[in-house]
Amino acid sequence: MSIVIGRQFRWQSEYPNNCPGRDASTIKLEVYRFVKHNPPIEKDFIPYAKEKPGRYTDCNGWGISFFKSEYIMKQMQNNNSRFKNKYIAKGVIDITDGKVKISSSGHINLWLYDSVDICKKFRVI
């Protein structure tokens, strides 16, 4: 079961109450994400809370992580071995995908609306 937002969009039913928070907003933005597959598949866009049940239970765990800059992604890939064998995917998220929260470091959390097929919006660069 999904939660109705206005007349158009529904949140995924697994989200905790009041998630995303009031500080999340809609935006159209080019973003980057590490993925395991080329081309990206649905499994590349699973939130930590779903990937590791019980470990990430707060609202942030249900957001999907992205970054605003390819440069940040390449730095992370060069400095952290866990990203060395992953691809960098680039895509554009918009107001029909969900709501975001952007940190000052350039990290973005995206909470998807129900039935959004986000992987189709991304390609490996």
PDB file of N, CA and C in Angstrom:
ATOM      1  N   MET A   1       0.836  -1.178   0.000  1.00  0.00           N
ATOM      2  CA  MET A   1       0.000   0.000   0.000  1.00  0.00           C
ATOM      3  C   MET A   1       0.882   1.243   0.000  1.00  0.00           C
ATOM      4  N   SER A   2       0.494   2.256  -0.732  1.00  0.00           N
ATOM      5  CA  SER A   2       1.242   3.503  -0.825  1.00  0.00           C
ATOM      6  C   SER A   2       0.482   4.622  -0.137  1.00  0.00           C
ATOM      7  N   ILE A   3       1.206   5.657   0.171  1.00  0.00           N
ATOM      8  CA  ILE A   3       0.624   6.829   0.817  1.00  0.00           C
ATOM      9  C   ILE A   3       0.399   7.887  -0.257  1.00  0.00           C
ATOM     10  N   VAL A   4      -0.781   8.434  -0.350  1.00  0.00           N
ATOM     11  CA  VAL A   4      -1.105   9.415  -1.389  1.00  0.00           C
ATOM     12  C   VAL A   4      -0.566  10.785  -1.005  1.00  0.00           C
ATOM     13  N   ILE A   5       0.109  11.431  -1.938  1.00  0.00           N
ATOM     14  CA  ILE A   5       0.613  12.788  -1.765  1.00  0.00           C
ATOM     15  C   ILE A   5      -0.117  13.640  -2.802  1.00  0.00           C
ATOM     16  N   GLY A   6      -0.958  14.536  -2.363  1.00  0.00           N
ATOM     17  CA  GLY A   6      -1.746  15.318  -3.312  1.00  0.00           C
ATOM     18  C   GLY A   6      -2.586  14.387  -4.166  1.00  0.00           C
ATOM     19  N   ARG A   7      -2.627  14.658  -5.466  1.00  0.00           N
ATOM     20  CA  ARG A   7      -3.409  13.795  -6.349  1.00  0.00           C
ATOM     21  C   ARG A   7      -2.537  12.981  -7.281  1.00  0.00           C
ATOM     22  N   GLN A   8      -1.243  13.270  -7.374  1.00  0.00           N
ATOM     23  CA  GLN A   8      -0.406  12.623  -8.372  1.00  0.00           C
ATOM     24  C   GLN A   8       0.566  11.593  -7.813  1.00  0.00           C
ATOM     25  N   PHE A   9       1.283  11.925  -6.777  1.00  0.00           N
ATOM     26  CA  PHE A   9       2.428  11.122  -6.372  1.00  0.00           C
ATOM     27  C   PHE A   9       2.147  10.335  -5.102  1.00  0.00           C
ATOM     28  N   ARG A  10       2.744   9.164  -5.020  1.00  0.00           N
ATOM     29  CA  ARG A  10       2.615   8.315  -3.836  1.00  0.00           C
ATOM     30  C   ARG A  10       4.023   7.961  -3.350  1.00  0.00           C
ATOM     31  N   TRP A  11       4.189   7.971  -2.034  1.00  0.00           N
ATOM     32  CA  TRP A  11       5.457   7.533  -1.451  1.00  0.00           C
ATOM     33  C   TRP A  11       5.477   6.019  -1.392  1.00  0.00           C
ATOM     34  N   GLN A  12       6.666   5.469  -1.416  1.00  0.00           N
ATOM     35  CA  GLN A  12       6.803   4.032  -1.232  1.00  0.00           C
ATOM     36  C   GLN A  12       6.329   3.684   0.174  1.00  0.00           C
ATOM     37  N   SER A  13       5.601   2.616   0.304  1.00  0.00           N
ATOM     38  CA  SER A  13       4.943   2.280   1.570  1.00  0.00           C
ATOM     39  C   SER A  13       5.918   1.906   2.681  1.00  0.00           C
ATOM     40  N   GLU A  14       7.144   1.524   2.341  1.00  0.00           N
ATOM     41  CA  GLU A  14       8.117   1.118   3.359  1.00  0.00           C
ATOM     42  C   GLU A  14       8.684   2.289   4.157  1.00  0.00           C
ATOM     43  N   TYR A  15       8.545   3.499   3.639  1.00  0.00           N
ATOM     44  CA  TYR A  15       9.138   4.654   4.310  1.00  0.00           C
ATOM     45  C   TYR A  15       8.552   4.822   5.711  1.00  0.00           C
ATOM     46  N   PRO A  16       9.412   5.206   6.678  1.00  0.00           N
ATOM     47  CA  PRO A  16       8.902   5.503   8.025  1.00  0.00           C
ATOM     48  C   PRO A  16       7.950   6.711   7.986  1.00  0.00           C
ATOM     49  N   ASN A  17       7.175   6.864   9.029  1.00  0.00           N
ATOM     50  CA  ASN A  17       6.293   8.033   9.135  1.00  0.00           C
ATOM     51  C   ASN A  17       7.105   9.316   9.014  1.00  0.00           C
ATOM     52  N   ASN A  18       6.530  10.325   8.404  1.00  0.00           N
ATOM     53  CA  ASN A  18       7.160  11.639   8.225  1.00  0.00           C
ATOM     54  C   ASN A  18       8.462  11.574   7.433  1.00  0.00           C
ATOM     55  N   CYS A  19       8.548  10.641   6.535  1.00  0.00           N
ATOM     56  CA  CYS A  19       9.734  10.496   5.689  1.00  0.00           C
ATOM     57  C   CYS A  19       9.291  10.596   4.230  1.00  0.00           C
ATOM     58  N   PRO A  20       9.942  11.475   3.462  1.00  0.00           N
ATOM     59  CA  PRO A  20      11.014  12.378   3.854  1.00  0.00           C
ATOM     60  C   PRO A  20      10.502  13.536   4.707  1.00  0.00           C
ATOM     61  N   GLY A  21      11.445  14.195   5.353  1.00  0.00           N
ATOM     62  CA  GLY A  21      11.107  15.310   6.235  1.00  0.00           C
ATOM     63  C   GLY A  21      10.676  16.550   5.470  1.00  0.00           C
ATOM     64  N   ARG A  22      10.233  17.533   6.225  1.00  0.00           N
ATOM     65  CA  ARG A  22       9.770  18.793   5.620  1.00  0.00           C
ATOM     66  C   ARG A  22      10.894  19.565   4.939  1.00  0.00           C
ATOM     67  N   ASP A  23      12.144  19.251   5.282  1.00  0.00           N
ATOM     68  CA  ASP A  23      13.269  19.957   4.674  1.00  0.00           C
ATOM     69  C   ASP A  23      13.647  19.388   3.303  1.00  0.00           C
ATOM     70  N   ALA A  24      12.989  18.332   2.861  1.00  0.00           N
ATOM     71  CA  ALA A  24      13.223  17.780   1.525  1.00  0.00           C
ATOM     72  C   ALA A  24      12.389  18.560   0.512  1.00  0.00           C
ATOM     73  N   SER A  25      12.918  18.669  -0.702  1.00  0.00           N
ATOM     74  CA  SER A  25      12.219  19.449  -1.723  1.00  0.00           C
ATOM     75  C   SER A  25      12.327  18.759  -3.081  1.00  0.00           C
ATOM     76  N   THR A  26      11.574  19.255  -4.042  1.00  0.00           N
ATOM     77  CA  THR A  26      11.676  18.743  -5.405  1.00  0.00           C
ATOM     78  C   THR A  26      12.600  19.658  -6.198  1.00  0.00           C
ATOM     79  N   ILE A  27      13.290  19.059  -7.157  1.00  0.00           N
ATOM     80  CA  ILE A  27      14.250  19.829  -7.949  1.00  0.00           C
ATOM     81  C   ILE A  27      14.583  19.048  -9.214  1.00  0.00           C
ATOM     82  N   LYS A  28      15.017  19.751 -10.238  1.00  0.00           N
ATOM     83  CA  LYS A  28      15.582  19.108 -11.426  1.00  0.00           C
ATOM     84  C   LYS A  28      17.084  19.316 -11.341  1.00  0.00           C
ATOM     85  N   LEU A  29      17.843  18.215 -11.394  1.00  0.00           N
ATOM     86  CA  LEU A  29      19.268  18.309 -11.108  1.00  0.00           C
ATOM     87  C   LEU A  29      20.024  17.151 -11.748  1.00  0.00           C
ATOM     88  N   GLU A  30      21.180  17.455 -12.336  1.00  0.00           N
ATOM     89  CA  GLU A  30      22.073  16.417 -12.831  1.00  0.00           C
ATOM     90  C   GLU A  30      22.827  15.841 -11.636  1.00  0.00           C
ATOM     91  N   VAL A  31      22.853  14.506 -11.520  1.00  0.00           N
ATOM     92  CA  VAL A  31      23.475  13.851 -10.372  1.00  0.00           C
ATOM     93  C   VAL A  31      24.300  12.651 -10.828  1.00  0.00           C
ATOM     94  N   TYR A  32      25.133  12.170  -9.900  1.00  0.00           N
ATOM     95  CA  TYR A  32      26.036  11.052 -10.167  1.00  0.00           C
ATOM     96  C   TYR A  32      25.895  10.017  -9.055  1.00  0.00           C
ATOM     97  N   ARG A  33      26.110   8.726  -9.432  1.00  0.00           N
ATOM     98  CA  ARG A  33      26.002   7.647  -8.456  1.00  0.00           C
ATOM     99  C   ARG A  33      26.930   6.506  -8.867  1.00  0.00           C
ATOM    100  N   PHE A  34      27.505   5.824  -7.864  1.00  0.00           N
ATOM    101  CA  PHE A  34      28.257   4.609  -8.140  1.00  0.00           C
ATOM    102  C   PHE A  34      27.285   3.475  -8.402  1.00  0.00           C
ATOM    103  N   VAL A  35      27.562   2.683  -9.450  1.00  0.00           N
ATOM    104  CA  VAL A  35      26.735   1.528  -9.785  1.00  0.00           C
ATOM    105  C   VAL A  35      27.641   0.333 -10.074  1.00  0.00           C
ATOM    106  N   LYS A  36      27.081  -0.860  -9.965  1.00  0.00           N
ATOM    107  CA  LYS A  36      27.839  -2.087 -10.227  1.00  0.00           C
ATOM    108  C   LYS A  36      27.687  -2.579 -11.660  1.00  0.00           C
ATOM    109  N   HIS A  37      26.668  -2.106 -12.360  1.00  0.00           N
ATOM    110  CA  HIS A  37      26.349  -2.642 -13.680  1.00  0.00           C
ATOM    111  C   HIS A  37      26.406  -1.573 -14.765  1.00  0.00           C
ATOM    112  N   ASN A  38      26.778  -2.014 -15.977  1.00  0.00           N
ATOM    113  CA  ASN A  38      26.769  -1.150 -17.144  1.00  0.00           C
ATOM    114  C   ASN A  38      26.015  -1.864 -18.259  1.00  0.00           C
ATOM    115  N   PRO A  39      24.814  -1.420 -18.580  1.00  0.00           N
ATOM    116  CA  PRO A  39      24.109  -0.246 -18.071  1.00  0.00           C
ATOM    117  C   PRO A  39      23.551  -0.469 -16.666  1.00  0.00           C
ATOM    118  N   PRO A  40      23.233   0.615 -15.960  1.00  0.00           N
ATOM    119  CA  PRO A  40      22.674   0.489 -14.611  1.00  0.00           C
ATOM    120  C   PRO A  40      21.350  -0.282 -14.629  1.00  0.00           C
ATOM    121  N   ILE A  41      21.131  -1.053 -13.552  1.00  0.00           N
ATOM    122  CA  ILE A  41      19.888  -1.804 -13.397  1.00  0.00           C
ATOM    123  C   ILE A  41      19.225  -1.414 -12.077  1.00  0.00           C
ATOM    124  N   GLU A  42      18.013  -1.891 -11.873  1.00  0.00           N
ATOM    125  CA  GLU A  42      17.237  -1.534 -10.681  1.00  0.00           C
ATOM    126  C   GLU A  42      18.008  -1.803  -9.386  1.00  0.00           C
ATOM    127  N   LYS A  43      18.760  -2.903  -9.334  1.00  0.00           N
ATOM    128  CA  LYS A  43      19.529  -3.252  -8.126  1.00  0.00           C
ATOM    129  C   LYS A  43      20.567  -2.195  -7.759  1.00  0.00           C
ATOM    130  N   ASP A  44      20.965  -1.371  -8.712  1.00  0.00           N
ATOM    131  CA  ASP A  44      21.950  -0.315  -8.447  1.00  0.00           C
ATOM    132  C   ASP A  44      21.350   0.875  -7.700  1.00  0.00           C
ATOM    133  N   PHE A  45      20.040   0.867  -7.504  1.00  0.00           N
ATOM    134  CA  PHE A  45      19.353   2.007  -6.896  1.00  0.00           C
ATOM    135  C   PHE A  45      18.501   1.585  -5.701  1.00  0.00           C
ATOM    136  N   ILE A  46      18.999   0.635  -4.934  1.00  0.00           N
ATOM    137  CA  ILE A  46      18.286   0.164  -3.747  1.00  0.00           C
ATOM    138  C   ILE A  46      18.792   0.942  -2.536  1.00  0.00           C
ATOM    139  N   PRO A  47      17.898   1.522  -1.735  1.00  0.00           N
ATOM    140  CA  PRO A  47      18.347   2.246  -0.536  1.00  0.00           C
ATOM    141  C   PRO A  47      18.940   1.285   0.495  1.00  0.00           C
ATOM    142  N   TYR A  48      19.865   1.794   1.310  1.00  0.00           N
ATOM    143  CA  TYR A  48      20.518   0.968   2.332  1.00  0.00           C
ATOM    144  C   TYR A  48      19.516   0.294   3.255  1.00  0.00           C
ATOM    145  N   ALA A  49      18.440   0.968   3.583  1.00  0.00           N
ATOM    146  CA  ALA A  49      17.451   0.398   4.508  1.00  0.00           C
ATOM    147  C   ALA A  49      16.822  -0.871   3.941  1.00  0.00           C
ATOM    148  N   LYS A  50      16.739  -0.963   2.632  1.00  0.00           N
ATOM    149  CA  LYS A  50      16.182  -2.160   1.996  1.00  0.00           C
ATOM    150  C   LYS A  50      17.279  -3.197   1.767  1.00  0.00           C
ATOM    151  N   GLU A  51      18.474  -2.719   1.472  1.00  0.00           N
ATOM    152  CA  GLU A  51      19.609  -3.596   1.195  1.00  0.00           C
ATOM    153  C   GLU A  51      20.095  -4.302   2.458  1.00  0.00           C
ATOM    154  N   LYS A  52      20.068  -3.584   3.576  1.00  0.00           N
ATOM    155  CA  LYS A  52      20.545  -4.126   4.861  1.00  0.00           C
ATOM    156  C   LYS A  52      19.486  -3.882   5.926  1.00  0.00           C
ATOM    157  N   PRO A  53      18.395  -4.677   5.893  1.00  0.00           N
ATOM    158  CA  PRO A  53      17.288  -4.461   6.843  1.00  0.00           C
ATOM    159  C   PRO A  53      17.754  -4.497   8.298  1.00  0.00           C
ATOM    160  N   GLY A  54      17.220  -3.579   9.088  1.00  0.00           N
ATOM    161  CA  GLY A  54      17.560  -3.512  10.504  1.00  0.00           C
ATOM    162  C   GLY A  54      18.764  -2.650  10.815  1.00  0.00           C
ATOM    163  N   ARG A  55      19.651  -2.471   9.851  1.00  0.00           N
ATOM    164  CA  ARG A  55      20.857  -1.675  10.089  1.00  0.00           C
ATOM    165  C   ARG A  55      20.600  -0.180   9.889  1.00  0.00           C
ATOM    166  N   TYR A  56      19.818   0.149   8.888  1.00  0.00           N
ATOM    167  CA  TYR A  56      19.487   1.542   8.585  1.00  0.00           C
ATOM    168  C   TYR A  56      17.979   1.694   8.709  1.00  0.00           C
ATOM    169  N   THR A  57      17.520   2.245   9.816  1.00  0.00           N
ATOM    170  CA  THR A  57      16.078   2.302  10.057  1.00  0.00           C
ATOM    171  C   THR A  57      15.505   3.716   9.983  1.00  0.00           C
ATOM    172  N   ASP A  58      16.356   4.736  10.004  1.00  0.00           N
ATOM    173  CA  ASP A  58      15.831   6.101   9.969  1.00  0.00           C
ATOM    174  C   ASP A  58      15.524   6.524   8.533  1.00  0.00           C
ATOM    175  N   CYS A  59      14.975   7.676   8.393  1.00  0.00           N
ATOM    176  CA  CYS A  59      14.557   8.189   7.089  1.00  0.00           C
ATOM    177  C   CYS A  59      15.726   8.266   6.103  1.00  0.00           C
ATOM    178  N   ASN A  60      16.899   8.686   6.560  1.00  0.00           N
ATOM    179  CA  ASN A  60      18.043   8.806   5.657  1.00  0.00           C
ATOM    180  C   ASN A  60      18.406   7.478   5.012  1.00  0.00           C
ATOM    181  N   GLY A  61      18.206   6.384   5.729  1.00  0.00           N
ATOM    182  CA  GLY A  61      18.494   5.062   5.183  1.00  0.00           C
ATOM    183  C   GLY A  61      17.612   4.690   4.008  1.00  0.00           C
ATOM    184  N   TRP A  62      16.459   5.351   3.891  1.00  0.00           N
ATOM    185  CA  TRP A  62      15.532   5.079   2.789  1.00  0.00           C
ATOM    186  C   TRP A  62      15.798   5.961   1.574  1.00  0.00           C
ATOM    187  N   GLY A  63      16.666   6.946   1.716  1.00  0.00           N
ATOM    188  CA  GLY A  63      17.031   7.778   0.576  1.00  0.00           C
ATOM    189  C   GLY A  63      18.101   7.090  -0.254  1.00  0.00           C
ATOM    190  N   ILE A  64      18.122   7.376  -1.533  1.00  0.00           N
ATOM    191  CA  ILE A  64      19.154   6.849  -2.424  1.00  0.00           C
ATOM    192  C   ILE A  64      20.204   7.935  -2.576  1.00  0.00           C
ATOM    193  N   SER A  65      21.480   7.563  -2.382  1.00  0.00           N
ATOM    194  CA  SER A  65      22.575   8.534  -2.381  1.00  0.00           C
ATOM    195  C   SER A  65      23.061   8.872  -3.786  1.00  0.00           C
ATOM    196  N   PHE A  66      23.257  10.149  -3.993  1.00  0.00           N
ATOM    197  CA  PHE A  66      23.839  10.676  -5.223  1.00  0.00           C
ATOM    198  C   PHE A  66      24.804  11.791  -4.834  1.00  0.00           C
ATOM    199  N   PHE A  67      25.565  12.270  -5.814  1.00  0.00           N
ATOM    200  CA  PHE A  67      26.427  13.427  -5.610  1.00  0.00           C
ATOM    201  C   PHE A  67      26.220  14.408  -6.753  1.00  0.00           C
ATOM    202  N   LYS A  68      26.507  15.680  -6.473  1.00  0.00           N
ATOM    203  CA  LYS A  68      26.293  16.755  -7.443  1.00  0.00           C
ATOM    204  C   LYS A  68      27.406  16.857  -8.473  1.00  0.00           C
ATOM    205  N   SER A  69      28.538  16.212  -8.230  1.00  0.00           N
ATOM    206  CA  SER A  69      29.706  16.479  -9.057  1.00  0.00           C
ATOM    207  C   SER A  69      30.430  15.196  -9.467  1.00  0.00           C
ATOM    208  N   GLU A  70      30.781  15.114 -10.733  1.00  0.00           N
ATOM    209  CA  GLU A  70      31.606  14.010 -11.223  1.00  0.00           C
ATOM    210  C   GLU A  70      32.980  14.060 -10.561  1.00  0.00           C
ATOM    211  N   TYR A  71      33.479  15.259 -10.313  1.00  0.00           N
ATOM    212  CA  TYR A  71      34.779  15.429  -9.665  1.00  0.00           C
ATOM    213  C   TYR A  71      34.799  14.771  -8.281  1.00  0.00           C
ATOM    214  N   ILE A  72      33.757  14.988  -7.493  1.00  0.00           N
ATOM    215  CA  ILE A  72      33.662  14.365  -6.164  1.00  0.00           C
ATOM    216  C   ILE A  72      33.684  12.849  -6.302  1.00  0.00           C
ATOM    217  N   MET A  73      32.953  12.329  -7.270  1.00  0.00           N
ATOM    218  CA  MET A  73      32.887  10.882  -7.482  1.00  0.00           C
ATOM    219  C   MET A  73      34.266  10.318  -7.823  1.00  0.00           C
ATOM    220  N   LYS A  74      34.994  10.994  -8.694  1.00  0.00           N
ATOM    221  CA  LYS A  74      36.321  10.508  -9.080  1.00  0.00           C
ATOM    222  C   LYS A  74      37.290  10.567  -7.909  1.00  0.00           C
ATOM    223  N   GLN A  75      37.183  11.600  -7.082  1.00  0.00           N
ATOM    224  CA  GLN A  75      38.010  11.674  -5.873  1.00  0.00           C
ATOM    225  C   GLN A  75      37.713  10.494  -4.952  1.00  0.00           C
ATOM    226  N   MET A  76      36.443  10.214  -4.749  1.00  0.00           N
ATOM    227  CA  MET A  76      36.049   9.089  -3.897  1.00  0.00           C
ATOM    228  C   MET A  76      36.578   7.779  -4.472  1.00  0.00           C
ATOM    229  N   GLN A  77      36.493   7.620  -5.774  1.00  0.00           N
ATOM    230  CA  GLN A  77      36.948   6.399  -6.422  1.00  0.00           C
ATOM    231  C   GLN A  77      38.461   6.230  -6.280  1.00  0.00           C
ATOM    232  N   ASN A  78      39.197   7.322  -6.359  1.00  0.00           N
ATOM    233  CA  ASN A  78      40.653   7.265  -6.232  1.00  0.00           C
ATOM    234  C   ASN A  78      41.118   7.063  -4.799  1.00  0.00           C
ATOM    235  N   ASN A  79      40.312   7.479  -3.827  1.00  0.00           N
ATOM    236  CA  ASN A  79      40.737   7.445  -2.430  1.00  0.00           C
ATOM    237  C   ASN A  79      40.102   6.345  -1.589  1.00  0.00           C
ATOM    238  N   ASN A  80      39.197   5.575  -2.148  1.00  0.00           N
ATOM    239  CA  ASN A  80      38.502   4.559  -1.358  1.00  0.00           C
ATOM    240  C   ASN A  80      38.372   3.286  -2.185  1.00  0.00           C
ATOM    241  N   SER A  81      38.996   2.221  -1.723  1.00  0.00           N
ATOM    242  CA  SER A  81      39.033   0.974  -2.491  1.00  0.00           C
ATOM    243  C   SER A  81      37.653   0.367  -2.730  1.00  0.00           C
ATOM    244  N   ARG A  82      36.678   0.681  -1.900  1.00  0.00           N
ATOM    245  CA  ARG A  82      35.349   0.078  -2.101  1.00  0.00           C
ATOM    246  C   ARG A  82      34.659   0.611  -3.360  1.00  0.00           C
ATOM    247  N   PHE A  83      35.151   1.730  -3.903  1.00  0.00           N
ATOM    248  CA  PHE A  83      34.552   2.293  -5.116  1.00  0.00           C
ATOM    249  C   PHE A  83      35.373   2.018  -6.377  1.00  0.00           C
ATOM    250  N   LYS A  84      36.556   1.433  -6.239  1.00  0.00           N
ATOM    251  CA  LYS A  84      37.467   1.265  -7.374  1.00  0.00           C
ATOM    252  C   LYS A  84      36.872   0.444  -8.513  1.00  0.00           C
ATOM    253  N   ASN A  85      36.092  -0.588  -8.207  1.00  0.00           N
ATOM    254  CA  ASN A  85      35.539  -1.466  -9.238  1.00  0.00           C
ATOM    255  C   ASN A  85      34.103  -1.124  -9.607  1.00  0.00           C
ATOM    256  N   LYS A  86      33.678   0.076  -9.286  1.00  0.00           N
ATOM    257  CA  LYS A  86      32.313   0.493  -9.618  1.00  0.00           C
ATOM    258  C   LYS A  86      32.341   1.513 -10.749  1.00  0.00           C
ATOM    259  N   TYR A  87      31.242   1.584 -11.446  1.00  0.00           N
ATOM    260  CA  TYR A  87      31.067   2.568 -12.510  1.00  0.00           C
ATOM    261  C   TYR A  87      30.463   3.842 -11.928  1.00  0.00           C
ATOM    262  N   ILE A  88      30.709   4.944 -12.603  1.00  0.00           N
ATOM    263  CA  ILE A  88      30.039   6.196 -12.264  1.00  0.00           C
ATOM    264  C   ILE A  88      28.923   6.396 -13.285  1.00  0.00           C
ATOM    265  N   ALA A  89      27.704   6.520 -12.770  1.00  0.00           N
ATOM    266  CA  ALA A  89      26.545   6.755 -13.636  1.00  0.00           C
ATOM    267  C   ALA A  89      26.079   8.194 -13.463  1.00  0.00           C
ATOM    268  N   LYS A  90      25.593   8.752 -14.554  1.00  0.00           N
ATOM    269  CA  LYS A  90      25.118  10.138 -14.568  1.00  0.00           C
ATOM    270  C   LYS A  90      23.673  10.148 -15.056  1.00  0.00           C
ATOM    271  N   GLY A  91      22.872  10.997 -14.414  1.00  0.00           N
ATOM    272  CA  GLY A  91      21.485  11.125 -14.837  1.00  0.00           C
ATOM    273  C   GLY A  91      20.892  12.424 -14.331  1.00  0.00           C
ATOM    274  N   VAL A  92      19.664  12.670 -14.716  1.00  0.00           N
ATOM    275  CA  VAL A  92      18.948  13.866 -14.275  1.00  0.00           C
ATOM    276  C   VAL A  92      17.720  13.417 -13.498  1.00  0.00           C
ATOM    277  N   ILE A  93      17.618  13.910 -12.260  1.00  0.00           N
ATOM    278  CA  ILE A  93      16.412  13.669 -11.473  1.00  0.00           C
ATOM    279  C   ILE A  93      15.544  14.917 -11.566  1.00  0.00           C
ATOM    280  N   ASP A  94      14.233  14.709 -11.480  1.00  0.00           N
ATOM    281  CA  ASP A  94      13.349  15.872 -11.560  1.00  0.00           C
ATOM    282  C   ASP A  94      12.187  15.736 -10.582  1.00  0.00           C
ATOM    283  N   ILE A  95      11.287  16.681 -10.633  1.00  0.00           N
ATOM    284  CA  ILE A  95      10.222  16.765  -9.632  1.00  0.00           C
ATOM    285  C   ILE A  95       9.270  15.581  -9.663  1.00  0.00           C
ATOM    286  N   THR A  96       9.267  14.816 -10.743  1.00  0.00           N
ATOM    287  CA  THR A  96       8.386  13.650 -10.821  1.00  0.00           C
ATOM    288  C   THR A  96       9.012  12.394 -10.231  1.00  0.00           C
ATOM    289  N   ASP A  97      10.282  12.475  -9.820  1.00  0.00           N
ATOM    290  CA  ASP A  97      10.982  11.310  -9.268  1.00  0.00           C
ATOM    291  C   ASP A  97      10.831  11.179  -7.762  1.00  0.00           C
ATOM    292  N   GLY A  98      10.774  12.298  -7.053  1.00  0.00           N
ATOM    293  CA  GLY A  98      10.691  12.265  -5.603  1.00  0.00           C
ATOM    294  C   GLY A  98      11.186  13.566  -5.008  1.00  0.00           C
ATOM    295  N   LYS A  99      11.611  13.485  -3.753  1.00  0.00           N
ATOM    296  CA  LYS A  99      12.130  14.667  -3.059  1.00  0.00           C
ATOM    297  C   LYS A  99      13.572  14.421  -2.649  1.00  0.00           C
ATOM    298  N   VAL A 100      14.323  15.522  -2.567  1.00  0.00           N
ATOM    299  CA  VAL A 100      15.746  15.439  -2.254  1.00  0.00           C
ATOM    300  C   VAL A 100      16.106  16.310  -1.059  1.00  0.00           C
ATOM    301  N   LYS A 101      17.221  15.948  -0.476  1.00  0.00           N
ATOM    302  CA  LYS A 101      17.869  16.772   0.540  1.00  0.00           C
ATOM    303  C   LYS A 101      19.338  16.827   0.132  1.00  0.00           C
ATOM    304  N   ILE A 102      19.869  18.038  -0.012  1.00  0.00           N
ATOM    305  CA  ILE A 102      21.239  18.229  -0.480  1.00  0.00           C
ATOM    306  C   ILE A 102      22.080  18.772   0.659  1.00  0.00           C
ATOM    307  N   SER A 103      23.199  18.099   0.942  1.00  0.00           N
ATOM    308  CA  SER A 103      24.091  18.560   2.011  1.00  0.00           C
ATOM    309  C   SER A 103      25.130  19.522   1.441  1.00  0.00           C
ATOM    310  N   SER A 104      25.810  20.227   2.319  1.00  0.00           N
ATOM    311  CA  SER A 104      26.834  21.186   1.893  1.00  0.00           C
ATOM    312  C   SER A 104      28.027  20.491   1.232  1.00  0.00           C
ATOM    313  N   SER A 105      28.211  19.192   1.485  1.00  0.00           N
ATOM    314  CA  SER A 105      29.319  18.445   0.882  1.00  0.00           C
ATOM    315  C   SER A 105      29.023  18.013  -0.550  1.00  0.00           C
ATOM    316  N   GLY A 106      27.780  18.221  -1.004  1.00  0.00           N
ATOM    317  CA  GLY A 106      27.402  17.798  -2.345  1.00  0.00           C
ATOM    318  C   GLY A 106      26.702  16.453  -2.380  1.00  0.00           C
ATOM    319  N   HIS A 107      26.500  15.845  -1.203  1.00  0.00           N
ATOM    320  CA  HIS A 107      25.751  14.583  -1.132  1.00  0.00           C
ATOM    321  C   HIS A 107      24.259  14.873  -1.246  1.00  0.00           C
ATOM    322  N   ILE A 108      23.570  14.014  -1.973  1.00  0.00           N
ATOM    323  CA  ILE A 108      22.130  14.165  -2.191  1.00  0.00           C
ATOM    324  C   ILE A 108      21.433  12.887  -1.775  1.00  0.00           C
ATOM    325  N   ASN A 109      20.390  13.012  -0.993  1.00  0.00           N
ATOM    326  CA  ASN A 109      19.511  11.890  -0.675  1.00  0.00           C
ATOM    327  C   ASN A 109      18.235  12.085  -1.475  1.00  0.00           C
ATOM    328  N   LEU A 110      17.831  11.063  -2.220  1.00  0.00           N
ATOM    329  CA  LEU A 110      16.589  11.109  -2.997  1.00  0.00           C
ATOM    330  C   LEU A 110      15.627  10.063  -2.458  1.00  0.00           C
ATOM    331  N   TRP A 111      14.432  10.502  -2.078  1.00  0.00           N
ATOM    332  CA  TRP A 111      13.360   9.590  -1.682  1.00  0.00           C
ATOM    333  C   TRP A 111      12.419   9.484  -2.870  1.00  0.00           C
ATOM    334  N   LEU A 112      12.365   8.302  -3.459  1.00  0.00           N
ATOM    335  CA  LEU A 112      11.583   8.089  -4.675  1.00  0.00           C
ATOM    336  C   LEU A 112      10.095   7.989  -4.404  1.00  0.00           C
ATOM    337  N   TYR A 113       9.335   8.520  -5.332  1.00  0.00           N
ATOM    338  CA  TYR A 113       7.905   8.240  -5.351  1.00  0.00           C
ATOM    339  C   TYR A 113       7.719   6.788  -5.788  1.00  0.00           C
ATOM    340  N   ASP A 114       6.602   6.210  -5.426  1.00  0.00           N
ATOM    341  CA  ASP A 114       6.278   4.846  -5.810  1.00  0.00           C
ATOM    342  C   ASP A 114       6.221   4.728  -7.337  1.00  0.00           C
ATOM    343  N   SER A 115       6.685   3.612  -7.847  1.00  0.00           N
ATOM    344  CA  SER A 115       6.624   3.259  -9.279  1.00  0.00           C
ATOM    345  C   SER A 115       7.548   4.077 -10.179  1.00  0.00           C
ATOM    346  N   VAL A 116       8.532   4.760  -9.626  1.00  0.00           N
ATOM    347  CA  VAL A 116       9.516   5.468 -10.448  1.00  0.00           C
ATOM    348  C   VAL A 116      10.604   4.476 -10.845  1.00  0.00           C
ATOM    349  N   ASP A 117      10.899   4.382 -12.130  1.00  0.00           N
ATOM    350  CA  ASP A 117      11.950   3.499 -12.639  1.00  0.00           C
ATOM    351  C   ASP A 117      13.202   4.342 -12.879  1.00  0.00           C
ATOM    352  N   ILE A 118      13.912   4.607 -11.813  1.00  0.00           N
ATOM    353  CA  ILE A 118      15.025   5.561 -11.838  1.00  0.00           C
ATOM    354  C   ILE A 118      16.197   5.089 -12.698  1.00  0.00           C
ATOM    355  N   CYS A 119      16.424   3.780 -12.794  1.00  0.00           N
ATOM    356  CA  CYS A 119      17.604   3.296 -13.523  1.00  0.00           C
ATOM    357  C   CYS A 119      17.568   3.672 -15.007  1.00  0.00           C
ATOM    358  N   LYS A 120      16.388   3.852 -15.574  1.00  0.00           N
ATOM    359  CA  LYS A 120      16.277   4.227 -16.989  1.00  0.00           C
ATOM    360  C   LYS A 120      16.761   5.647 -17.259  1.00  0.00           C
ATOM    361  N   LYS A 121      16.944   6.432 -16.211  1.00  0.00           N
ATOM    362  CA  LYS A 121      17.369   7.823 -16.372  1.00  0.00           C
ATOM    363  C   LYS A 121      18.886   7.988 -16.279  1.00  0.00           C
ATOM    364  N   PHE A 122      19.620   6.875 -16.110  1.00  0.00           N
ATOM    365  CA  PHE A 122      21.057   6.939 -15.874  1.00  0.00           C
ATOM    366  C   PHE A 122      21.834   6.150 -16.914  1.00  0.00           C
ATOM    367  N   ARG A 123      23.045   6.651 -17.174  1.00  0.00           N
ATOM    368  CA  ARG A 123      23.981   5.936 -18.044  1.00  0.00           C
ATOM    369  C   ARG A 123      25.373   6.044 -17.434  1.00  0.00           C
ATOM    370  N   VAL A 124      26.181   5.034 -17.676  1.00  0.00           N
ATOM    371  CA  VAL A 124      27.562   5.038 -17.190  1.00  0.00           C
ATOM    372  C   VAL A 124      28.374   5.998 -18.043  1.00  0.00           C
ATOM    373  N   ILE A 125      29.240   6.764 -17.375  1.00  0.00           N
ATOM    374  CA  ILE A 125      30.081   7.728 -18.107  1.00  0.00           C
ATOM    375  C   ILE A 125      31.515   7.231 -18.169  1.00  0.00           C
TER     376      ILE A 125
END
